[in-house]
Amino acid sequence: NQHHLLHALREFEQFYTAHRPHQGI
């Protein structure tokens, strides 16, 4: 449902910007 989608997107955003290793320097 929409609540589950928003929760998943928030978790992914936090993971992507704060923890995930990026292919940069």
PDB file of all heavy atoms in Angstrom:
ATOM      1  N   ASN A   1       0.851  -1.195   0.000  1.00  0.00           N
ATOM      2  CA  ASN A   1       0.000   0.000   0.000  1.00  0.00           C
ATOM      3  C   ASN A   1       0.883   1.240   0.000  1.00  0.00           C
ATOM      4  O   ASN A   1       2.113   1.146  -0.040  1.00  0.00           O
ATOM      5  CB  ASN A   1      -0.960  -0.007   1.198  1.00  0.00           C
ATOM      6  CG  ASN A   1      -0.236  -0.158   2.516  1.00  0.00           C
ATOM      7  OD1 ASN A   1       0.890   0.315   2.684  1.00  0.00           O
ATOM      8  ND2 ASN A   1      -0.875  -0.826   3.479  1.00  0.00           N
ATOM      9  N   GLN A   2       0.265   2.402   0.056  1.00  0.00           N
ATOM     10  CA  GLN A   2       1.015   3.662   0.009  1.00  0.00           C
ATOM     11  C   GLN A   2       1.927   3.813   1.227  1.00  0.00           C
ATOM     12  O   GLN A   2       3.063   4.261   1.087  1.00  0.00           O
ATOM     13  CB  GLN A   2       0.050   4.848  -0.077  1.00  0.00           C
ATOM     14  CG  GLN A   2       0.782   6.177  -0.191  1.00  0.00           C
ATOM     15  CD  GLN A   2      -0.156   7.365  -0.294  1.00  0.00           C
ATOM     16  OE1 GLN A   2      -1.374   7.222  -0.217  1.00  0.00           O
ATOM     17  NE2 GLN A   2       0.407   8.544  -0.467  1.00  0.00           N
ATOM     18  N   HIS A   3       1.462   3.425   2.389  1.00  0.00           N
ATOM     19  CA  HIS A   3       2.286   3.524   3.602  1.00  0.00           C
ATOM     20  C   HIS A   3       3.554   2.670   3.460  1.00  0.00           C
ATOM     21  O   HIS A   3       4.649   3.121   3.796  1.00  0.00           O
ATOM     22  CB  HIS A   3       1.477   3.088   4.825  1.00  0.00           C
ATOM     23  CG  HIS A   3       2.262   3.094   6.100  1.00  0.00           C
ATOM     24  ND1 HIS A   3       2.636   4.256   6.735  1.00  0.00           N
ATOM     25  CD2 HIS A   3       2.775   2.079   6.836  1.00  0.00           C
ATOM     26  CE1 HIS A   3       3.342   3.952   7.812  1.00  0.00           C
ATOM     27  NE2 HIS A   3       3.439   2.634   7.901  1.00  0.00           N
ATOM     28  N   HIS A   4       3.404   1.456   2.957  1.00  0.00           N
ATOM     29  CA  HIS A   4       4.551   0.573   2.756  1.00  0.00           C
ATOM     30  C   HIS A   4       5.508   1.152   1.714  1.00  0.00           C
ATOM     31  O   HIS A   4       6.729   1.108   1.878  1.00  0.00           O
ATOM     32  CB  HIS A   4       4.056  -0.813   2.330  1.00  0.00           C
ATOM     33  CG  HIS A   4       5.141  -1.814   2.186  1.00  0.00           C
ATOM     34  ND1 HIS A   4       5.309  -2.563   1.056  1.00  0.00           N
ATOM     35  CD2 HIS A   4       6.141  -2.193   3.032  1.00  0.00           C
ATOM     36  CE1 HIS A   4       6.357  -3.353   1.195  1.00  0.00           C
ATOM     37  NE2 HIS A   4       6.872  -3.146   2.394  1.00  0.00           N
ATOM     38  N   LEU A   5       4.979   1.714   0.633  1.00  0.00           N
ATOM     39  CA  LEU A   5       5.815   2.337  -0.394  1.00  0.00           C
ATOM     40  C   LEU A   5       6.619   3.495   0.180  1.00  0.00           C
ATOM     41  O   LEU A   5       7.833   3.586  -0.042  1.00  0.00           O
ATOM     42  CB  LEU A   5       4.956   2.828  -1.560  1.00  0.00           C
ATOM     43  CG  LEU A   5       5.686   3.632  -2.632  1.00  0.00           C
ATOM     44  CD1 LEU A   5       6.723   2.779  -3.338  1.00  0.00           C
ATOM     45  CD2 LEU A   5       4.701   4.225  -3.628  1.00  0.00           C
ATOM     46  N   LEU A   6       5.969   4.377   0.929  1.00  0.00           N
ATOM     47  CA  LEU A   6       6.674   5.530   1.506  1.00  0.00           C
ATOM     48  C   LEU A   6       7.748   5.085   2.494  1.00  0.00           C
ATOM     49  O   LEU A   6       8.841   5.657   2.534  1.00  0.00           O
ATOM     50  CB  LEU A   6       5.679   6.482   2.170  1.00  0.00           C
ATOM     51  CG  LEU A   6       4.701   7.170   1.212  1.00  0.00           C
ATOM     52  CD1 LEU A   6       3.698   8.007   1.991  1.00  0.00           C
ATOM     53  CD2 LEU A   6       5.441   8.009   0.183  1.00  0.00           C
ATOM     54  N   HIS A   7       7.455   4.061   3.301  1.00  0.00           N
ATOM     55  CA  HIS A   7       8.447   3.532   4.241  1.00  0.00           C
ATOM     56  C   HIS A   7       9.662   2.983   3.487  1.00  0.00           C
ATOM     57  O   HIS A   7      10.810   3.275   3.828  1.00  0.00           O
ATOM     58  CB  HIS A   7       7.831   2.446   5.118  1.00  0.00           C
ATOM     59  CG  HIS A   7       8.821   1.699   5.935  1.00  0.00           C
ATOM     60  ND1 HIS A   7       9.465   2.255   7.025  1.00  0.00           N
ATOM     61  CD2 HIS A   7       9.328   0.444   5.801  1.00  0.00           C
ATOM     62  CE1 HIS A   7      10.308   1.367   7.528  1.00  0.00           C
ATOM     63  NE2 HIS A   7      10.240   0.257   6.792  1.00  0.00           N
ATOM     64  N   ALA A   8       9.410   2.177   2.447  1.00  0.00           N
ATOM     65  CA  ALA A   8      10.500   1.590   1.671  1.00  0.00           C
ATOM     66  C   ALA A   8      11.340   2.677   0.992  1.00  0.00           C
ATOM     67  O   ALA A   8      12.571   2.603   0.979  1.00  0.00           O
ATOM     68  CB  ALA A   8       9.946   0.619   0.636  1.00  0.00           C
ATOM     69  N   LEU A   9      10.699   3.690   0.444  1.00  0.00           N
ATOM     70  CA  LEU A   9      11.431   4.769  -0.218  1.00  0.00           C
ATOM     71  C   LEU A   9      12.265   5.575   0.775  1.00  0.00           C
ATOM     72  O   LEU A   9      13.398   5.963   0.478  1.00  0.00           O
ATOM     73  CB  LEU A   9      10.471   5.676  -0.980  1.00  0.00           C
ATOM     74  CG  LEU A   9       9.830   5.056  -2.220  1.00  0.00           C
ATOM     75  CD1 LEU A   9       8.783   6.007  -2.805  1.00  0.00           C
ATOM     76  CD2 LEU A   9      10.880   4.695  -3.257  1.00  0.00           C
ATOM     77  N   ARG A  10      11.721   5.823   1.981  1.00  0.00           N
ATOM     78  CA  ARG A  10      12.496   6.542   3.005  1.00  0.00           C
ATOM     79  C   ARG A  10      13.722   5.744   3.431  1.00  0.00           C
ATOM     80  O   ARG A  10      14.818   6.280   3.566  1.00  0.00           O
ATOM     81  CB  ARG A  10      11.626   6.840   4.227  1.00  0.00           C
ATOM     82  CG  ARG A  10      10.939   8.173   4.156  1.00  0.00           C
ATOM     83  CD  ARG A  10      10.258   8.519   5.484  1.00  0.00           C
ATOM     84  NE  ARG A  10       8.825   8.550   5.231  1.00  0.00           N
ATOM     85  CZ  ARG A  10       7.948   7.634   5.632  1.00  0.00           C
ATOM     86  NH1 ARG A  10       8.317   6.635   6.380  1.00  0.00           N
ATOM     87  NH2 ARG A  10       6.686   7.738   5.335  1.00  0.00           N
ATOM     88  N   GLU A  11      13.542   4.443   3.666  1.00  0.00           N
ATOM     89  CA  GLU A  11      14.663   3.582   4.047  1.00  0.00           C
ATOM     90  C   GLU A  11      15.727   3.557   2.945  1.00  0.00           C
ATOM     91  O   GLU A  11      16.914   3.632   3.220  1.00  0.00           O
ATOM     92  CB  GLU A  11      14.180   2.153   4.316  1.00  0.00           C
ATOM     93  CG  GLU A  11      13.515   1.968   5.633  1.00  0.00           C
ATOM     94  CD  GLU A  11      14.515   1.950   6.780  1.00  0.00           C
ATOM     95  OE1 GLU A  11      15.590   1.330   6.649  1.00  0.00           O
ATOM     96  OE2 GLU A  11      14.207   2.551   7.816  1.00  0.00           O
ATOM     97  N   PHE A  12      15.301   3.434   1.694  1.00  0.00           N
ATOM     98  CA  PHE A  12      16.235   3.381   0.583  1.00  0.00           C
ATOM     99  C   PHE A  12      16.985   4.699   0.445  1.00  0.00           C
ATOM    100  O   PHE A  12      18.193   4.716   0.227  1.00  0.00           O
ATOM    101  CB  PHE A  12      15.533   3.047  -0.731  1.00  0.00           C
ATOM    102  CG  PHE A  12      16.492   2.889  -1.870  1.00  0.00           C
ATOM    103  CD1 PHE A  12      17.196   1.708  -2.029  1.00  0.00           C
ATOM    104  CD2 PHE A  12      16.711   3.916  -2.758  1.00  0.00           C
ATOM    105  CE1 PHE A  12      18.104   1.560  -3.061  1.00  0.00           C
ATOM    106  CE2 PHE A  12      17.608   3.780  -3.797  1.00  0.00           C
ATOM    107  CZ  PHE A  12      18.310   2.595  -3.949  1.00  0.00           C
ATOM    108  N   GLU A  13      16.280   5.813   0.586  1.00  0.00           N
ATOM    109  CA  GLU A  13      16.930   7.123   0.486  1.00  0.00           C
ATOM    110  C   GLU A  13      17.990   7.287   1.571  1.00  0.00           C
ATOM    111  O   GLU A  13      19.110   7.728   1.296  1.00  0.00           O
ATOM    112  CB  GLU A  13      15.892   8.235   0.607  1.00  0.00           C
ATOM    113  CG  GLU A  13      16.501   9.618   0.588  1.00  0.00           C
ATOM    114  CD  GLU A  13      15.503  10.715   0.878  1.00  0.00           C
ATOM    115  OE1 GLU A  13      14.453  10.440   1.493  1.00  0.00           O
ATOM    116  OE2 GLU A  13      15.796  11.858   0.512  1.00  0.00           O
ATOM    117  N   GLN A  14      17.670   6.893   2.801  1.00  0.00           N
ATOM    118  CA  GLN A  14      18.633   7.017   3.903  1.00  0.00           C
ATOM    119  C   GLN A  14      19.831   6.103   3.645  1.00  0.00           C
ATOM    120  O   GLN A  14      20.968   6.500   3.830  1.00  0.00           O
ATOM    121  CB  GLN A  14      17.943   6.672   5.225  1.00  0.00           C
ATOM    122  CG  GLN A  14      18.692   7.100   6.452  1.00  0.00           C
ATOM    123  CD  GLN A  14      19.770   6.130   6.871  1.00  0.00           C
ATOM    124  OE1 GLN A  14      19.666   4.925   6.645  1.00  0.00           O
ATOM    125  NE2 GLN A  14      20.820   6.638   7.460  1.00  0.00           N
ATOM    126  N   PHE A  15      19.591   4.890   3.204  1.00  0.00           N
ATOM    127  CA  PHE A  15      20.658   3.946   2.892  1.00  0.00           C
ATOM    128  C   PHE A  15      21.525   4.476   1.749  1.00  0.00           C
ATOM    129  O   PHE A  15      22.742   4.460   1.808  1.00  0.00           O
ATOM    130  CB  PHE A  15      20.045   2.597   2.510  1.00  0.00           C
ATOM    131  CG  PHE A  15      21.036   1.598   1.979  1.00  0.00           C
ATOM    132  CD1 PHE A  15      21.858   0.902   2.848  1.00  0.00           C
ATOM    133  CD2 PHE A  15      21.137   1.350   0.627  1.00  0.00           C
ATOM    134  CE1 PHE A  15      22.770  -0.027   2.366  1.00  0.00           C
ATOM    135  CE2 PHE A  15      22.035   0.423   0.138  1.00  0.00           C
ATOM    136  CZ  PHE A  15      22.856  -0.267   1.014  1.00  0.00           C
ATOM    137  N   TYR A  16      20.893   4.976   0.699  1.00  0.00           N
ATOM    138  CA  TYR A  16      21.606   5.418  -0.495  1.00  0.00           C
ATOM    139  C   TYR A  16      22.485   6.627  -0.209  1.00  0.00           C
ATOM    140  O   TYR A  16      23.612   6.707  -0.688  1.00  0.00           O
ATOM    141  CB  TYR A  16      20.605   5.751  -1.604  1.00  0.00           C
ATOM    142  CG  TYR A  16      21.253   6.025  -2.934  1.00  0.00           C
ATOM    143  CD1 TYR A  16      21.582   4.983  -3.785  1.00  0.00           C
ATOM    144  CD2 TYR A  16      21.528   7.320  -3.338  1.00  0.00           C
ATOM    145  CE1 TYR A  16      22.176   5.219  -5.006  1.00  0.00           C
ATOM    146  CE2 TYR A  16      22.123   7.568  -4.559  1.00  0.00           C
ATOM    147  CZ  TYR A  16      22.439   6.512  -5.390  1.00  0.00           C
ATOM    148  OH  TYR A  16      23.036   6.750  -6.594  1.00  0.00           O
ATOM    149  N   THR A  17      21.995   7.580   0.576  1.00  0.00           N
ATOM    150  CA  THR A  17      22.758   8.805   0.809  1.00  0.00           C
ATOM    151  C   THR A  17      23.705   8.724   1.997  1.00  0.00           C
ATOM    152  O   THR A  17      24.668   9.476   2.066  1.00  0.00           O
ATOM    153  CB  THR A  17      21.828  10.013   1.016  1.00  0.00           C
ATOM    154  OG1 THR A  17      20.981   9.750   2.131  1.00  0.00           O
ATOM    155  CG2 THR A  17      20.999  10.268  -0.222  1.00  0.00           C
ATOM    156  N   ALA A  18      23.466   7.811   2.946  1.00  0.00           N
ATOM    157  CA  ALA A  18      24.288   7.785   4.154  1.00  0.00           C
ATOM    158  C   ALA A  18      25.216   6.585   4.255  1.00  0.00           C
ATOM    159  O   ALA A  18      26.252   6.668   4.896  1.00  0.00           O
ATOM    160  CB  ALA A  18      23.402   7.817   5.396  1.00  0.00           C
ATOM    161  N   HIS A  19      24.880   5.473   3.631  1.00  0.00           N
ATOM    162  CA  HIS A  19      25.701   4.290   3.856  1.00  0.00           C
ATOM    163  C   HIS A  19      26.271   3.678   2.589  1.00  0.00           C
ATOM    164  O   HIS A  19      27.413   3.251   2.566  1.00  0.00           O
ATOM    165  CB  HIS A  19      24.900   3.207   4.595  1.00  0.00           C
ATOM    166  CG  HIS A  19      25.728   2.002   4.898  1.00  0.00           C
ATOM    167  ND1 HIS A  19      26.612   1.975   5.947  1.00  0.00           N
ATOM    168  CD2 HIS A  19      25.865   0.822   4.274  1.00  0.00           C
ATOM    169  CE1 HIS A  19      27.241   0.812   5.951  1.00  0.00           C
ATOM    170  NE2 HIS A  19      26.795   0.091   4.942  1.00  0.00           N
ATOM    171  N   ARG A  20      25.508   3.593   1.546  1.00  0.00           N
ATOM    172  CA  ARG A  20      25.882   2.865   0.334  1.00  0.00           C
ATOM    173  C   ARG A  20      27.208   3.363  -0.230  1.00  0.00           C
ATOM    174  O   ARG A  20      27.406   4.555  -0.415  1.00  0.00           O
ATOM    175  CB  ARG A  20      24.793   3.047  -0.712  1.00  0.00           C
ATOM    176  CG  ARG A  20      25.060   2.347  -2.011  1.00  0.00           C
ATOM    177  CD  ARG A  20      23.900   2.641  -2.963  1.00  0.00           C
ATOM    178  NE  ARG A  20      24.129   2.060  -4.247  1.00  0.00           N
ATOM    179  CZ  ARG A  20      24.721   2.696  -5.264  1.00  0.00           C
ATOM    180  NH1 ARG A  20      25.143   3.923  -5.109  1.00  0.00           N
ATOM    181  NH2 ARG A  20      24.883   2.102  -6.410  1.00  0.00           N
ATOM    182  N   PRO A  21      28.143   2.450  -0.536  1.00  0.00           N
ATOM    183  CA  PRO A  21      29.382   2.882  -1.184  1.00  0.00           C
ATOM    184  C   PRO A  21      29.098   3.303  -2.622  1.00  0.00           C
ATOM    185  O   PRO A  21      28.360   2.645  -3.341  1.00  0.00           O
ATOM    186  CB  PRO A  21      30.271   1.644  -1.152  1.00  0.00           C
ATOM    187  CG  PRO A  21      29.351   0.502  -0.964  1.00  0.00           C
ATOM    188  CD  PRO A  21      28.132   1.023  -0.267  1.00  0.00           C
ATOM    189  N   HIS A  22      29.653   4.409  -3.012  1.00  0.00           N
ATOM    190  CA  HIS A  22      29.434   4.951  -4.345  1.00  0.00           C
ATOM    191  C   HIS A  22      30.682   4.774  -5.198  1.00  0.00           C
ATOM    192  O   HIS A  22      31.785   4.691  -4.693  1.00  0.00           O
ATOM    193  CB  HIS A  22      29.067   6.434  -4.261  1.00  0.00           C
ATOM    194  CG  HIS A  22      27.714   6.647  -3.666  1.00  0.00           C
ATOM    195  ND1 HIS A  22      26.594   6.776  -4.433  1.00  0.00           N
ATOM    196  CD2 HIS A  22      27.286   6.698  -2.388  1.00  0.00           C
ATOM    197  CE1 HIS A  22      25.549   6.926  -3.661  1.00  0.00           C
ATOM    198  NE2 HIS A  22      25.941   6.881  -2.412  1.00  0.00           N
ATOM    199  N   GLN A  23      30.489   4.719  -6.476  1.00  0.00           N
ATOM    200  CA  GLN A  23      31.599   4.556  -7.410  1.00  0.00           C
ATOM    201  C   GLN A  23      32.210   5.920  -7.726  1.00  0.00           C
ATOM    202  O   GLN A  23      32.194   6.379  -8.852  1.00  0.00           O
ATOM    203  CB  GLN A  23      31.105   3.859  -8.685  1.00  0.00           C
ATOM    204  CG  GLN A  23      30.570   2.468  -8.440  1.00  0.00           C
ATOM    205  CD  GLN A  23      31.616   1.546  -7.857  1.00  0.00           C
ATOM    206  OE1 GLN A  23      32.732   1.483  -8.337  1.00  0.00           O
ATOM    207  NE2 GLN A  23      31.267   0.855  -6.794  1.00  0.00           N
ATOM    208  N   GLY A  24      32.729   6.549  -6.731  1.00  0.00           N
ATOM    209  CA  GLY A  24      33.398   7.827  -6.894  1.00  0.00           C
ATOM    210  C   GLY A  24      34.841   7.692  -6.458  1.00  0.00           C
ATOM    211  O   GLY A  24      35.430   6.616  -6.532  1.00  0.00           O
ATOM    212  N   ILE A  25      35.411   8.752  -5.990  1.00  0.00           N
ATOM    213  CA  ILE A  25      36.792   8.729  -5.518  1.00  0.00           C
ATOM    214  C   ILE A  25      36.872   7.830  -4.296  1.00  0.00           C
ATOM    215  O   ILE A  25      36.281   8.102  -3.263  1.00  0.00           O
ATOM    216  CB  ILE A  25      37.278  10.156  -5.185  1.00  0.00           C
ATOM    217  CG1 ILE A  25      37.205  11.013  -6.436  1.00  0.00           C
ATOM    218  CG2 ILE A  25      38.683  10.132  -4.607  1.00  0.00           C
ATOM    219  CD1 ILE A  25      37.471  12.475  -6.168  1.00  0.00           C
TER     220      ILE A  25
END
